[in-house]
Amino acid sequence: MDRHGWDQRFTDNPNHFGTEPNTLLKRHVSGLAPGTAADVGCGQGRNTVWLLDRGWDVTAVDFSEVALRHTSEAAGTTSALTTVQADVSEWRPADTFDLVVAAYLHLPSEKMRATWRHLVSITAPGGTLVVIGHDRANRGNGPKDPDVLFHADDVVAALPDTWTVKVAEAVDRGEGSIDALVVATAPHA
């Protein structure tokens, strides 16, 4: 779906994906010390707001103007939020981040692999990368195009050998929904 399609979807349903943060993100990030975070493909900001509430300085990136407006509204007045309207596969920030989150970012496979490599490059030394998305085994729920689905092993293959993979698995989140989950940390400088 293009930017205008997402703008319309988010206009039609301001809470399209709900307001609660992703449970896998909560489970694997709750113990991290707050720092800088990039929520890449942030949608309407449910994960962004949760991170802000825990003391993170968050850069929320999405190509939907409506999604970013919803993110800002949900976050309220805070100097800890920066929003960036951009195609995440083309976004090139000047800084790195202590935490990089890509939750349900689904692109064609070639573009997705390149994006995962880019997310590695914007993760600070010692930082954490969290990728969550619809697993290939999840064909009945989520995106219908099998080319945008992936396994955790696909993400791990895009990581440098020097990274520590803490979690790489398919997770059944109920009702036949299977997610690919990867949590990995960059080596310290």
N, C-alpha and C. Protein backbone atom coordinates (compact mmCIF):
# COMPACT_ATOMS: atom_id res chain seq x y z
N MET A 1 0.85 -1.17 0.00
CA MET A 1 0.00 0.00 0.00
C MET A 1 0.90 1.24 0.00
N ASP A 2 0.50 2.25 -0.74
CA ASP A 2 1.29 3.47 -0.80
C ASP A 2 0.93 4.41 0.36
N ARG A 3 1.65 5.52 0.43
CA ARG A 3 1.47 6.49 1.51
C ARG A 3 0.03 6.98 1.60
N HIS A 4 -0.57 7.27 0.45
CA HIS A 4 -1.95 7.80 0.46
C HIS A 4 -2.94 6.75 0.97
N GLY A 5 -2.69 5.49 0.64
CA GLY A 5 -3.54 4.41 1.15
C GLY A 5 -3.48 4.30 2.66
N TRP A 6 -2.25 4.41 3.21
CA TRP A 6 -2.11 4.38 4.67
C TRP A 6 -2.73 5.62 5.31
N ASP A 7 -2.54 6.79 4.67
CA ASP A 7 -3.18 8.00 5.19
C ASP A 7 -4.69 7.79 5.31
N GLN A 8 -5.30 7.21 4.27
CA GLN A 8 -6.75 6.99 4.28
C GLN A 8 -7.14 5.96 5.34
N ARG A 9 -6.36 4.87 5.43
CA ARG A 9 -6.66 3.83 6.43
C ARG A 9 -6.62 4.42 7.84
N PHE A 10 -5.61 5.25 8.13
CA PHE A 10 -5.48 5.83 9.46
C PHE A 10 -6.51 6.94 9.70
N THR A 11 -6.94 7.62 8.65
CA THR A 11 -8.01 8.61 8.78
C THR A 11 -9.32 7.91 9.11
N ASP A 12 -9.59 6.81 8.41
CA ASP A 12 -10.84 6.07 8.62
C ASP A 12 -10.90 5.41 10.00
N ASN A 13 -9.75 5.02 10.53
CA ASN A 13 -9.72 4.33 11.82
C ASN A 13 -8.52 4.84 12.63
N PRO A 14 -8.71 5.86 13.44
CA PRO A 14 -7.60 6.46 14.18
C PRO A 14 -6.86 5.50 15.12
N ASN A 15 -7.47 4.37 15.46
CA ASN A 15 -6.79 3.36 16.29
C ASN A 15 -6.74 2.03 15.55
N HIS A 16 -6.32 2.07 14.32
CA HIS A 16 -6.32 0.91 13.44
C HIS A 16 -5.63 -0.31 14.07
N PHE A 17 -4.50 -0.10 14.72
CA PHE A 17 -3.76 -1.20 15.34
C PHE A 17 -3.90 -1.21 16.86
N GLY A 18 -4.84 -0.44 17.38
CA GLY A 18 -5.04 -0.37 18.82
C GLY A 18 -4.16 0.70 19.45
N THR A 19 -4.25 0.80 20.75
CA THR A 19 -3.48 1.82 21.47
C THR A 19 -2.43 1.23 22.39
N GLU A 20 -2.54 -0.06 22.64
CA GLU A 20 -1.57 -0.72 23.53
C GLU A 20 -0.31 -1.08 22.75
N PRO A 21 0.86 -1.00 23.39
CA PRO A 21 2.10 -1.38 22.72
C PRO A 21 2.15 -2.87 22.43
N ASN A 22 2.97 -3.24 21.52
CA ASN A 22 3.16 -4.64 21.18
C ASN A 22 3.68 -5.39 22.40
N THR A 23 3.06 -6.52 22.71
CA THR A 23 3.45 -7.28 23.92
C THR A 23 4.87 -7.84 23.80
N LEU A 24 5.31 -8.21 22.60
CA LEU A 24 6.68 -8.72 22.44
C LEU A 24 7.69 -7.61 22.68
N LEU A 25 7.38 -6.42 22.20
CA LEU A 25 8.27 -5.27 22.44
C LEU A 25 8.36 -5.01 23.94
N LYS A 26 7.22 -4.98 24.61
CA LYS A 26 7.22 -4.75 26.06
C LYS A 26 8.09 -5.78 26.77
N ARG A 27 7.92 -7.03 26.41
CA ARG A 27 8.65 -8.11 27.08
C ARG A 27 10.16 -7.98 26.91
N HIS A 28 10.60 -7.58 25.75
CA HIS A 28 12.03 -7.61 25.46
C HIS A 28 12.74 -6.27 25.62
N VAL A 29 11.98 -5.19 25.85
CA VAL A 29 12.60 -3.87 25.99
C VAL A 29 12.44 -3.31 27.40
N SER A 30 11.50 -3.83 28.17
CA SER A 30 11.22 -3.29 29.51
C SER A 30 12.46 -3.17 30.38
N GLY A 31 13.39 -4.10 30.27
CA GLY A 31 14.58 -4.09 31.12
C GLY A 31 15.72 -3.22 30.64
N LEU A 32 15.58 -2.59 29.47
CA LEU A 32 16.65 -1.76 28.95
C LEU A 32 16.63 -0.37 29.58
N ALA A 33 17.82 0.18 29.80
CA ALA A 33 17.92 1.56 30.30
C ALA A 33 17.52 2.51 29.18
N PRO A 34 16.66 3.48 29.47
CA PRO A 34 16.23 4.41 28.42
C PRO A 34 17.41 5.20 27.85
N GLY A 35 17.27 5.50 26.58
CA GLY A 35 18.25 6.31 25.85
C GLY A 35 17.55 6.86 24.63
N THR A 36 18.18 6.74 23.48
CA THR A 36 17.57 7.19 22.24
C THR A 36 16.99 5.98 21.50
N ALA A 37 15.83 6.19 20.89
CA ALA A 37 15.18 5.10 20.17
C ALA A 37 14.65 5.61 18.84
N ALA A 38 14.65 4.72 17.86
CA ALA A 38 13.99 4.99 16.58
C ALA A 38 12.88 3.95 16.42
N ASP A 39 11.66 4.41 16.27
CA ASP A 39 10.52 3.55 15.99
C ASP A 39 10.25 3.69 14.50
N VAL A 40 10.74 2.73 13.74
CA VAL A 40 10.78 2.82 12.28
C VAL A 40 9.52 2.17 11.71
N GLY A 41 8.75 2.95 10.96
CA GLY A 41 7.44 2.49 10.51
C GLY A 41 6.50 2.50 11.69
N CYS A 42 6.45 3.62 12.40
CA CYS A 42 5.79 3.72 13.71
C CYS A 42 4.28 3.61 13.65
N GLY A 43 3.68 3.75 12.48
CA GLY A 43 2.23 3.74 12.42
C GLY A 43 1.66 4.84 13.28
N GLN A 44 0.63 4.54 14.03
CA GLN A 44 -0.04 5.56 14.83
C GLN A 44 0.59 5.77 16.21
N GLY A 45 1.76 5.18 16.43
CA GLY A 45 2.56 5.55 17.58
C GLY A 45 2.34 4.79 18.88
N ARG A 46 1.65 3.66 18.84
CA ARG A 46 1.40 2.95 20.10
C ARG A 46 2.69 2.52 20.79
N ASN A 47 3.69 2.08 20.02
CA ASN A 47 4.98 1.70 20.62
C ASN A 47 5.80 2.94 20.98
N THR A 48 5.70 3.96 20.15
CA THR A 48 6.41 5.22 20.43
C THR A 48 5.98 5.79 21.78
N VAL A 49 4.67 5.86 22.00
CA VAL A 49 4.15 6.44 23.25
C VAL A 49 4.61 5.61 24.45
N TRP A 50 4.58 4.30 24.32
CA TRP A 50 5.02 3.43 25.41
C TRP A 50 6.50 3.70 25.74
N LEU A 51 7.32 3.83 24.71
CA LEU A 51 8.74 4.13 24.93
C LEU A 51 8.92 5.50 25.59
N LEU A 52 8.19 6.50 25.11
CA LEU A 52 8.27 7.84 25.71
C LEU A 52 7.90 7.79 27.19
N ASP A 53 6.85 7.04 27.51
CA ASP A 53 6.40 6.93 28.90
C ASP A 53 7.45 6.28 29.80
N ARG A 54 8.38 5.56 29.20
CA ARG A 54 9.45 4.91 29.96
C ARG A 54 10.76 5.69 29.94
N GLY A 55 10.72 6.91 29.42
CA GLY A 55 11.88 7.79 29.50
C GLY A 55 12.77 7.82 28.27
N TRP A 56 12.37 7.15 27.19
CA TRP A 56 13.17 7.16 25.97
C TRP A 56 12.95 8.47 25.21
N ASP A 57 13.98 8.94 24.52
CA ASP A 57 13.86 10.00 23.51
C ASP A 57 13.64 9.27 22.19
N VAL A 58 12.48 9.49 21.56
CA VAL A 58 12.08 8.67 20.43
C VAL A 58 11.99 9.48 19.14
N THR A 59 12.57 8.93 18.09
CA THR A 59 12.37 9.43 16.74
C THR A 59 11.40 8.46 16.07
N ALA A 60 10.22 8.95 15.75
CA ALA A 60 9.17 8.14 15.13
C ALA A 60 9.18 8.42 13.63
N VAL A 61 9.33 7.37 12.84
CA VAL A 61 9.46 7.52 11.40
C VAL A 61 8.34 6.75 10.71
N ASP A 62 7.65 7.42 9.79
CA ASP A 62 6.62 6.76 8.99
C ASP A 62 6.41 7.60 7.74
N PHE A 63 5.93 6.97 6.68
CA PHE A 63 5.65 7.76 5.49
C PHE A 63 4.23 8.30 5.45
N SER A 64 3.41 7.94 6.42
CA SER A 64 2.05 8.44 6.50
C SER A 64 2.00 9.69 7.38
N GLU A 65 1.59 10.79 6.78
CA GLU A 65 1.44 12.04 7.52
C GLU A 65 0.37 11.90 8.60
N VAL A 66 -0.70 11.18 8.29
CA VAL A 66 -1.79 10.99 9.24
C VAL A 66 -1.30 10.17 10.43
N ALA A 67 -0.52 9.12 10.17
CA ALA A 67 0.02 8.31 11.27
C ALA A 67 0.88 9.15 12.20
N LEU A 68 1.72 9.98 11.64
CA LEU A 68 2.59 10.82 12.47
C LEU A 68 1.79 11.85 13.26
N ARG A 69 0.73 12.36 12.67
CA ARG A 69 -0.14 13.29 13.41
C ARG A 69 -0.78 12.56 14.60
N HIS A 70 -1.26 11.33 14.37
CA HIS A 70 -1.84 10.54 15.47
C HIS A 70 -0.78 10.25 16.55
N THR A 71 0.44 9.96 16.12
CA THR A 71 1.53 9.70 17.06
C THR A 71 1.77 10.93 17.94
N SER A 72 1.86 12.09 17.31
CA SER A 72 2.09 13.33 18.07
C SER A 72 0.94 13.62 19.03
N GLU A 73 -0.28 13.41 18.58
CA GLU A 73 -1.44 13.64 19.44
C GLU A 73 -1.43 12.68 20.64
N ALA A 74 -1.11 11.42 20.39
CA ALA A 74 -1.08 10.42 21.47
C ALA A 74 0.04 10.71 22.46
N ALA A 75 1.14 11.25 21.97
CA ALA A 75 2.29 11.53 22.83
C ALA A 75 2.09 12.78 23.68
N GLY A 76 1.24 13.69 23.23
CA GLY A 76 1.05 14.93 23.97
C GLY A 76 2.25 15.84 23.79
N THR A 77 2.36 16.80 24.67
CA THR A 77 3.46 17.77 24.58
C THR A 77 4.70 17.20 25.23
N THR A 78 5.70 16.93 24.42
CA THR A 78 6.96 16.42 24.94
C THR A 78 8.09 16.77 23.98
N SER A 79 9.20 17.15 24.55
CA SER A 79 10.37 17.44 23.71
C SER A 79 11.15 16.17 23.42
N ALA A 80 10.72 15.04 23.97
CA ALA A 80 11.42 13.78 23.77
C ALA A 80 11.01 13.07 22.48
N LEU A 81 10.04 13.64 21.74
CA LEU A 81 9.57 13.05 20.50
C LEU A 81 9.99 13.87 19.30
N THR A 82 10.56 13.18 18.32
CA THR A 82 10.83 13.78 17.02
C THR A 82 10.10 12.92 15.99
N THR A 83 9.33 13.54 15.11
CA THR A 83 8.67 12.79 14.06
C THR A 83 9.35 13.09 12.73
N VAL A 84 9.45 12.06 11.90
CA VAL A 84 10.07 12.19 10.59
C VAL A 84 9.17 11.51 9.57
N GLN A 85 8.69 12.28 8.60
CA GLN A 85 7.91 11.69 7.52
C GLN A 85 8.87 11.28 6.42
N ALA A 86 9.01 9.97 6.25
CA ALA A 86 9.95 9.44 5.26
C ALA A 86 9.63 7.99 4.95
N ASP A 87 10.03 7.56 3.79
CA ASP A 87 10.04 6.14 3.45
C ASP A 87 11.18 5.55 4.26
N VAL A 88 10.89 4.62 5.15
CA VAL A 88 11.92 4.10 6.05
C VAL A 88 13.07 3.43 5.30
N SER A 89 12.80 2.92 4.11
CA SER A 89 13.87 2.28 3.34
C SER A 89 14.85 3.30 2.76
N GLU A 90 14.45 4.56 2.76
CA GLU A 90 15.31 5.62 2.22
C GLU A 90 15.80 6.60 3.29
N TRP A 91 15.26 6.51 4.49
CA TRP A 91 15.60 7.44 5.58
C TRP A 91 17.03 7.22 6.03
N ARG A 92 17.81 8.27 6.10
CA ARG A 92 19.22 8.19 6.50
C ARG A 92 19.50 9.23 7.59
N PRO A 93 19.30 8.85 8.85
CA PRO A 93 19.53 9.81 9.94
C PRO A 93 21.03 10.08 10.13
N ALA A 94 21.32 11.20 10.73
CA ALA A 94 22.71 11.57 11.00
C ALA A 94 23.24 10.85 12.24
N ASP A 95 22.35 10.43 13.12
CA ASP A 95 22.75 9.82 14.39
C ASP A 95 22.43 8.33 14.41
N THR A 96 22.98 7.65 15.41
CA THR A 96 22.61 6.27 15.69
C THR A 96 21.74 6.27 16.94
N PHE A 97 21.12 5.11 17.21
CA PHE A 97 20.15 5.02 18.31
C PHE A 97 20.48 3.83 19.20
N ASP A 98 20.19 3.99 20.50
CA ASP A 98 20.41 2.91 21.46
C ASP A 98 19.42 1.77 21.25
N LEU A 99 18.27 2.08 20.68
CA LEU A 99 17.24 1.09 20.39
C LEU A 99 16.64 1.41 19.04
N VAL A 100 16.54 0.41 18.19
CA VAL A 100 15.87 0.55 16.91
C VAL A 100 14.77 -0.51 16.86
N VAL A 101 13.54 -0.06 16.62
CA VAL A 101 12.38 -0.94 16.59
C VAL A 101 11.75 -0.89 15.21
N ALA A 102 11.52 -2.05 14.63
CA ALA A 102 10.77 -2.18 13.39
C ALA A 102 9.68 -3.20 13.65
N ALA A 103 8.49 -2.72 13.98
CA ALA A 103 7.37 -3.61 14.31
C ALA A 103 6.36 -3.59 13.17
N TYR A 104 6.19 -4.73 12.55
CA TYR A 104 5.23 -4.91 11.46
C TYR A 104 5.54 -4.00 10.27
N LEU A 105 6.81 -3.86 9.99
CA LEU A 105 7.26 -3.17 8.80
C LEU A 105 7.42 -4.24 7.72
N HIS A 106 6.55 -4.19 6.74
CA HIS A 106 6.54 -5.23 5.70
C HIS A 106 6.75 -4.58 4.34
N LEU A 107 7.87 -4.91 3.72
CA LEU A 107 8.23 -4.41 2.40
C LEU A 107 8.55 -5.60 1.51
N PRO A 108 8.59 -5.42 0.20
CA PRO A 108 9.03 -6.52 -0.66
C PRO A 108 10.40 -7.03 -0.19
N SER A 109 10.63 -8.33 -0.33
CA SER A 109 11.77 -9.00 0.30
C SER A 109 13.12 -8.34 0.02
N GLU A 110 13.40 -7.97 -1.21
CA GLU A 110 14.70 -7.34 -1.50
C GLU A 110 14.85 -6.02 -0.76
N LYS A 111 13.81 -5.22 -0.79
CA LYS A 111 13.82 -3.92 -0.10
C LYS A 111 13.91 -4.12 1.41
N MET A 112 13.22 -5.15 1.91
CA MET A 112 13.24 -5.43 3.35
C MET A 112 14.64 -5.82 3.81
N ARG A 113 15.31 -6.71 3.07
CA ARG A 113 16.67 -7.11 3.46
C ARG A 113 17.61 -5.90 3.49
N ALA A 114 17.49 -5.03 2.51
CA ALA A 114 18.31 -3.81 2.49
C ALA A 114 17.97 -2.92 3.68
N THR A 115 16.69 -2.86 4.03
CA THR A 115 16.27 -2.03 5.17
C THR A 115 16.81 -2.60 6.47
N TRP A 116 16.78 -3.94 6.65
CA TRP A 116 17.35 -4.52 7.86
C TRP A 116 18.83 -4.19 7.98
N ARG A 117 19.56 -4.25 6.88
CA ARG A 117 20.99 -3.90 6.92
C ARG A 117 21.17 -2.43 7.30
N HIS A 118 20.27 -1.58 6.81
CA HIS A 118 20.32 -0.17 7.17
C HIS A 118 20.02 0.02 8.66
N LEU A 119 19.05 -0.72 9.18
CA LEU A 119 18.73 -0.60 10.61
C LEU A 119 19.93 -1.00 11.47
N VAL A 120 20.69 -1.97 11.00
CA VAL A 120 21.94 -2.34 11.69
C VAL A 120 22.86 -1.13 11.75
N SER A 121 22.96 -0.41 10.64
CA SER A 121 23.91 0.72 10.57
C SER A 121 23.50 1.90 11.46
N ILE A 122 22.22 2.00 11.82
CA ILE A 122 21.80 3.12 12.67
C ILE A 122 21.65 2.71 14.14
N THR A 123 21.99 1.46 14.45
CA THR A 123 21.98 1.01 15.83
C THR A 123 23.34 1.35 16.45
N ALA A 124 23.33 2.05 17.56
CA ALA A 124 24.57 2.50 18.23
C ALA A 124 25.35 1.29 18.75
N PRO A 125 26.65 1.44 18.94
CA PRO A 125 27.43 0.37 19.57
C PRO A 125 26.80 0.00 20.92
N GLY A 126 26.61 -1.29 21.12
CA GLY A 126 25.96 -1.77 22.34
C GLY A 126 24.45 -1.65 22.31
N GLY A 127 23.90 -1.11 21.23
CA GLY A 127 22.46 -0.89 21.12
C GLY A 127 21.71 -2.15 20.74
N THR A 128 20.40 -2.04 20.79
CA THR A 128 19.51 -3.18 20.55
C THR A 128 18.62 -2.92 19.34
N LEU A 129 18.48 -3.96 18.53
CA LEU A 129 17.56 -3.95 17.38
C LEU A 129 16.45 -4.95 17.67
N VAL A 130 15.21 -4.51 17.52
CA VAL A 130 14.05 -5.38 17.69
C VAL A 130 13.25 -5.36 16.39
N VAL A 131 13.07 -6.53 15.79
CA VAL A 131 12.27 -6.66 14.58
C VAL A 131 11.14 -7.64 14.88
N ILE A 132 9.92 -7.19 14.64
CA ILE A 132 8.72 -8.01 14.85
C ILE A 132 7.87 -7.89 13.59
N GLY A 133 7.40 -9.01 13.09
CA GLY A 133 6.54 -8.94 11.91
C GLY A 133 5.80 -10.24 11.69
N HIS A 134 4.90 -10.20 10.75
CA HIS A 134 4.14 -11.40 10.42
C HIS A 134 5.07 -12.44 9.79
N ASP A 135 5.12 -13.60 10.41
CA ASP A 135 5.95 -14.70 9.92
C ASP A 135 5.34 -15.30 8.66
N ARG A 136 6.18 -15.93 7.86
CA ARG A 136 5.68 -16.60 6.64
C ARG A 136 4.63 -17.66 6.96
N ALA A 137 4.70 -18.24 8.15
CA ALA A 137 3.70 -19.24 8.56
C ALA A 137 2.35 -18.60 8.87
N ASN A 138 2.29 -17.29 8.84
CA ASN A 138 1.11 -16.52 9.23
C ASN A 138 0.31 -16.06 8.00
N ARG A 139 0.27 -16.83 6.97
CA ARG A 139 -0.33 -16.38 5.71
C ARG A 139 -1.82 -16.07 5.80
N GLY A 140 -2.52 -16.60 6.78
CA GLY A 140 -3.95 -16.32 6.88
C GLY A 140 -4.26 -14.99 7.53
N ASN A 141 -3.33 -14.44 8.28
CA ASN A 141 -3.53 -13.17 8.98
C ASN A 141 -2.45 -12.19 8.56
N GLY A 142 -2.81 -10.93 8.47
CA GLY A 142 -1.83 -9.93 8.08
C GLY A 142 -1.74 -9.77 6.58
N PRO A 143 -0.58 -9.32 6.09
CA PRO A 143 -0.42 -9.06 4.66
C PRO A 143 -0.70 -10.31 3.82
N LYS A 144 -1.32 -10.10 2.69
CA LYS A 144 -1.67 -11.21 1.81
C LYS A 144 -0.54 -11.57 0.85
N ASP A 145 0.37 -10.63 0.60
CA ASP A 145 1.48 -10.87 -0.34
C ASP A 145 2.57 -11.67 0.38
N PRO A 146 2.83 -12.91 -0.04
CA PRO A 146 3.84 -13.72 0.65
C PRO A 146 5.25 -13.15 0.56
N ASP A 147 5.50 -12.26 -0.42
CA ASP A 147 6.84 -11.68 -0.57
C ASP A 147 7.19 -10.71 0.55
N VAL A 148 6.22 -10.22 1.29
CA VAL A 148 6.51 -9.27 2.36
C VAL A 148 6.58 -9.96 3.73
N LEU A 149 6.29 -11.25 3.78
CA LEU A 149 6.39 -12.01 5.02
C LEU A 149 7.81 -12.53 5.19
N PHE A 150 8.22 -12.81 6.43
CA PHE A 150 9.59 -13.27 6.65
C PHE A 150 9.67 -14.16 7.88
N HIS A 151 10.79 -14.86 7.99
CA HIS A 151 11.12 -15.66 9.17
C HIS A 151 12.18 -14.90 9.97
N ALA A 152 12.30 -15.22 11.22
CA ALA A 152 13.35 -14.63 12.06
C ALA A 152 14.74 -14.89 11.45
N ASP A 153 14.93 -16.08 10.87
CA ASP A 153 16.22 -16.41 10.26
C ASP A 153 16.59 -15.46 9.13
N ASP A 154 15.59 -14.92 8.43
CA ASP A 154 15.86 -13.95 7.36
C ASP A 154 16.48 -12.69 7.93
N VAL A 155 15.98 -12.26 9.08
CA VAL A 155 16.52 -11.06 9.73
C VAL A 155 17.93 -11.35 10.23
N VAL A 156 18.12 -12.48 10.88
CA VAL A 156 19.43 -12.85 11.42
C VAL A 156 20.47 -12.89 10.30
N ALA A 157 20.09 -13.35 9.13
CA ALA A 157 21.02 -13.41 8.00
C ALA A 157 21.51 -12.03 7.57
N ALA A 158 20.75 -10.98 7.89
CA ALA A 158 21.16 -9.62 7.54
C ALA A 158 22.05 -8.98 8.60
N LEU A 159 22.24 -9.65 9.74
CA LEU A 159 23.04 -9.10 10.82
C LEU A 159 24.52 -9.47 10.65
N PRO A 160 25.42 -8.58 11.01
CA PRO A 160 26.84 -8.93 10.99
C PRO A 160 27.14 -10.04 12.00
N ASP A 161 28.16 -10.82 11.74
CA ASP A 161 28.55 -11.91 12.64
C ASP A 161 28.93 -11.43 14.03
N THR A 162 29.30 -10.16 14.16
CA THR A 162 29.72 -9.62 15.46
C THR A 162 28.56 -9.30 16.38
N TRP A 163 27.34 -9.36 15.89
CA TRP A 163 26.17 -9.07 16.70
C TRP A 163 25.79 -10.27 17.56
N THR A 164 25.16 -10.00 18.69
CA THR A 164 24.65 -11.05 19.57
C THR A 164 23.15 -11.17 19.36
N VAL A 165 22.72 -12.34 18.93
CA VAL A 165 21.29 -12.58 18.73
C VAL A 165 20.74 -13.15 20.04
N LYS A 166 19.86 -12.40 20.68
CA LYS A 166 19.28 -12.83 21.95
C LYS A 166 18.03 -13.67 21.73
N VAL A 167 17.24 -13.30 20.72
CA VAL A 167 16.02 -14.03 20.40
C VAL A 167 15.87 -14.05 18.89
N ALA A 168 15.55 -15.20 18.34
CA ALA A 168 15.22 -15.34 16.92
C ALA A 168 14.25 -16.51 16.82
N GLU A 169 12.97 -16.20 16.77
CA GLU A 169 11.99 -17.27 16.81
C GLU A 169 10.66 -16.84 16.21
N ALA A 170 9.84 -17.84 15.94
CA ALA A 170 8.45 -17.61 15.57
C ALA A 170 7.64 -17.69 16.86
N VAL A 171 6.76 -16.73 17.06
CA VAL A 171 5.98 -16.64 18.29
C VAL A 171 4.49 -16.68 17.93
N ASP A 172 3.78 -17.62 18.53
CA ASP A 172 2.34 -17.71 18.34
C ASP A 172 1.69 -16.74 19.31
N ARG A 173 1.07 -15.70 18.78
CA ARG A 173 0.43 -14.72 19.67
C ARG A 173 -1.06 -14.97 19.80
N GLY A 174 -1.49 -16.15 19.39
CA GLY A 174 -2.88 -16.54 19.56
C GLY A 174 -3.71 -16.33 18.31
N GLU A 175 -4.84 -17.02 18.24
CA GLU A 175 -5.79 -16.90 17.14
C GLU A 175 -5.15 -17.17 15.78
N GLY A 176 -4.14 -18.03 15.76
CA GLY A 176 -3.50 -18.39 14.51
C GLY A 176 -2.51 -17.37 13.98
N SER A 177 -2.19 -16.37 14.76
CA SER A 177 -1.24 -15.34 14.35
C SER A 177 0.16 -15.71 14.80
N ILE A 178 1.06 -15.82 13.85
CA ILE A 178 2.45 -16.17 14.15
C ILE A 178 3.34 -15.00 13.75
N ASP A 179 4.16 -14.55 14.68
CA ASP A 179 5.08 -13.45 14.40
C ASP A 179 6.52 -13.93 14.37
N ALA A 180 7.30 -13.32 13.51
CA ALA A 180 8.75 -13.49 13.53
C ALA A 180 9.28 -12.44 14.51
N LEU A 181 10.17 -12.85 15.39
CA LEU A 181 10.74 -11.95 16.39
C LEU A 181 12.24 -12.11 16.42
N VAL A 182 12.94 -10.98 16.34
CA VAL A 182 14.40 -10.96 16.49
C VAL A 182 14.76 -9.83 17.44
N VAL A 183 15.55 -10.16 18.45
CA VAL A 183 16.13 -9.16 19.35
C VAL A 183 17.62 -9.41 19.31
N ALA A 184 18.38 -8.39 18.90
CA ALA A 184 19.83 -8.55 18.75
C ALA A 184 20.54 -7.30 19.23
N THR A 185 21.77 -7.46 19.69
CA THR A 185 22.53 -6.32 20.16
C THR A 185 23.82 -6.17 19.35
N ALA A 186 24.15 -4.91 19.12
CA ALA A 186 25.37 -4.55 18.40
C ALA A 186 26.56 -4.69 19.36
N PRO A 187 27.73 -4.99 18.85
CA PRO A 187 28.91 -5.04 19.73
C PRO A 187 29.23 -3.64 20.24
N HIS A 188 29.85 -3.57 21.40
CA HIS A 188 30.32 -2.29 21.94
C HIS A 188 31.51 -1.83 21.12
N ALA A 189 31.67 -0.54 21.03
CA ALA A 189 32.77 0.02 20.22
C ALA A 189 34.12 -0.36 20.79
